[in-house]
Amino acid sequence: MRYGVTRQDVLGPSRKRKIIDARQHCYWHFRERGNSYPTIARIMRLKDHAAVIHGRKKHMERNGIVEGTKLPATAGYSAGLL
């Protein structure tokens, strides 16, 4: 992945900054692909979807992404994130 962390890191409990950034990027990416917040929480092995909502918002703020802007179909993201 672009953040230099493994899938296990992203799904694990670590609170290291680069892992948090990668995890929040996943929240945003999955939401852009049309998944609901509860579905994303299940994918990410979370108890509820509140962390997904917060993490997605933080990712968007950090990267200057405006709400409502859609991800281009040719954004170059891997379909194999799951």
C-alpha atoms as a PDB file:
ATOM      1  CA  MET A   1       0.000   0.000   0.000  1.00  0.00           C
ATOM      2  CA  ARG A   2       1.030   3.572  -0.527  1.00  0.00           C
ATOM      3  CA  TYR A   3       1.499   4.144   3.224  1.00  0.00           C
ATOM      4  CA  GLY A   4       4.060   1.379   3.679  1.00  0.00           C
ATOM      5  CA  VAL A   5       1.926  -0.689   6.044  1.00  0.00           C
ATOM      6  CA  THR A   6       0.451  -4.149   5.741  1.00  0.00           C
ATOM      7  CA  ARG A   7      -3.164  -5.204   5.602  1.00  0.00           C
ATOM      8  CA  GLN A   8      -2.737  -6.700   9.085  1.00  0.00           C
ATOM      9  CA  ASP A   9      -1.456  -3.330  10.357  1.00  0.00           C
ATOM     10  CA  VAL A  10      -4.500  -1.521   8.986  1.00  0.00           C
ATOM     11  CA  LEU A  11      -6.912  -4.045  10.491  1.00  0.00           C
ATOM     12  CA  GLY A  12      -5.032  -4.234  13.796  1.00  0.00           C
ATOM     13  CA  PRO A  13      -5.237  -2.044  16.910  1.00  0.00           C
ATOM     14  CA  SER A  14      -2.066   0.020  16.382  1.00  0.00           C
ATOM     15  CA  ARG A  15      -2.283   3.781  16.854  1.00  0.00           C
ATOM     16  CA  LYS A  16       0.916   4.716  15.015  1.00  0.00           C
ATOM     17  CA  ARG A  17       0.377   7.774  12.827  1.00  0.00           C
ATOM     18  CA  LYS A  18       1.178   6.140   9.471  1.00  0.00           C
ATOM     19  CA  ILE A  19      -1.149   3.232  10.245  1.00  0.00           C
ATOM     20  CA  ILE A  20      -3.941   5.574  11.329  1.00  0.00           C
ATOM     21  CA  ASP A  21      -3.494   7.566   8.115  1.00  0.00           C
ATOM     22  CA  ALA A  22      -3.677   4.385   6.028  1.00  0.00           C
ATOM     23  CA  ARG A  23      -6.737   3.183   7.943  1.00  0.00           C
ATOM     24  CA  GLN A  24      -8.528   6.498   7.463  1.00  0.00           C
ATOM     25  CA  HIS A  25      -7.656   6.441   3.775  1.00  0.00           C
ATOM     26  CA  CYS A  26      -9.354   3.030   3.573  1.00  0.00           C
ATOM     27  CA  TYR A  27     -12.486   4.442   5.244  1.00  0.00           C
ATOM     28  CA  TRP A  28     -12.621   7.223   2.659  1.00  0.00           C
ATOM     29  CA  HIS A  29     -11.862   4.895  -0.248  1.00  0.00           C
ATOM     30  CA  PHE A  30     -14.535   2.353   0.708  1.00  0.00           C
ATOM     31  CA  ARG A  31     -17.107   5.119   1.168  1.00  0.00           C
ATOM     32  CA  GLU A  32     -16.235   6.563  -2.256  1.00  0.00           C
ATOM     33  CA  ARG A  33     -16.916   3.141  -3.722  1.00  0.00           C
ATOM     34  CA  GLY A  34     -20.482   3.273  -2.364  1.00  0.00           C
ATOM     35  CA  ASN A  35     -20.214   1.233   0.837  1.00  0.00           C
ATOM     36  CA  SER A  36     -22.322   2.226   3.838  1.00  0.00           C
ATOM     37  CA  TYR A  37     -20.659   3.242   7.106  1.00  0.00           C
ATOM     38  CA  PRO A  38     -21.831   0.065   8.907  1.00  0.00           C
ATOM     39  CA  THR A  39     -20.492  -2.069   6.039  1.00  0.00           C
ATOM     40  CA  ILE A  40     -17.111  -0.349   6.217  1.00  0.00           C
ATOM     41  CA  ALA A  41     -17.042  -0.920   9.980  1.00  0.00           C
ATOM     42  CA  ARG A  42     -17.624  -4.634   9.417  1.00  0.00           C
ATOM     43  CA  ILE A  43     -14.894  -4.791   6.761  1.00  0.00           C
ATOM     44  CA  MET A  44     -12.484  -3.031   9.125  1.00  0.00           C
ATOM     45  CA  ARG A  45     -13.508  -5.211  12.101  1.00  0.00           C
ATOM     46  CA  LEU A  46     -14.856  -2.324  14.186  1.00  0.00           C
ATOM     47  CA  LYS A  47     -17.584  -2.448  16.822  1.00  0.00           C
ATOM     48  CA  ASP A  48     -19.575   0.386  15.251  1.00  0.00           C
ATOM     49  CA  HIS A  49     -19.382   2.904  12.442  1.00  0.00           C
ATOM     50  CA  ALA A  50     -18.621   6.068  14.465  1.00  0.00           C
ATOM     51  CA  ALA A  51     -14.858   5.642  13.981  1.00  0.00           C
ATOM     52  CA  VAL A  52     -15.402   5.328  10.229  1.00  0.00           C
ATOM     53  CA  ILE A  53     -17.351   8.594  10.061  1.00  0.00           C
ATOM     54  CA  HIS A  54     -14.729  10.434  12.109  1.00  0.00           C
ATOM     55  CA  GLY A  55     -11.750   8.885  10.299  1.00  0.00           C
ATOM     56  CA  ARG A  56     -13.146   9.637   6.850  1.00  0.00           C
ATOM     57  CA  LYS A  57     -13.736  13.254   7.837  1.00  0.00           C
ATOM     58  CA  LYS A  58     -10.175  13.598   9.194  1.00  0.00           C
ATOM     59  CA  HIS A  59      -8.725  12.066   6.007  1.00  0.00           C
ATOM     60  CA  MET A  60     -10.693  14.512   3.877  1.00  0.00           C
ATOM     61  CA  GLU A  61      -9.578  17.505   5.970  1.00  0.00           C
ATOM     62  CA  ARG A  62      -5.940  16.394   5.901  1.00  0.00           C
ATOM     63  CA  ASN A  63      -5.974  15.962   2.116  1.00  0.00           C
ATOM     64  CA  GLY A  64      -8.133  18.940   1.154  1.00  0.00           C
ATOM     65  CA  ILE A  65     -10.965  16.812  -0.223  1.00  0.00           C
ATOM     66  CA  VAL A  66     -14.276  18.631  -0.463  1.00  0.00           C
ATOM     67  CA  GLU A  67     -17.430  16.750   0.540  1.00  0.00           C
ATOM     68  CA  GLY A  68     -19.407  15.740  -2.525  1.00  0.00           C
ATOM     69  CA  THR A  69     -16.364  15.460  -4.792  1.00  0.00           C
ATOM     70  CA  LYS A  70     -16.471  12.058  -6.449  1.00  0.00           C
ATOM     71  CA  LEU A  71     -13.471   9.834  -7.058  1.00  0.00           C
ATOM     72  CA  PRO A  72     -12.708   9.547 -10.790  1.00  0.00           C
ATOM     73  CA  ALA A  73     -13.204   6.068 -12.242  1.00  0.00           C
ATOM     74  CA  THR A  74      -9.577   6.129 -13.415  1.00  0.00           C
ATOM     75  CA  ALA A  75      -8.077   7.086 -10.052  1.00  0.00           C
ATOM     76  CA  GLY A  76      -5.674   4.153 -10.189  1.00  0.00           C
ATOM     77  CA  TYR A  77      -6.747   2.525  -6.939  1.00  0.00           C
ATOM     78  CA  SER A  78      -6.392  -1.195  -6.499  1.00  0.00           C
ATOM     79  CA  ALA A  79      -9.610  -3.183  -6.368  1.00  0.00           C
ATOM     80  CA  GLY A  80      -7.868  -5.687  -4.079  1.00  0.00           C
ATOM     81  CA  LEU A  81      -7.950  -3.734  -0.823  1.00  0.00           C
ATOM     82  CA  LEU A  82     -10.215  -6.234   0.892  1.00  0.00           C
END
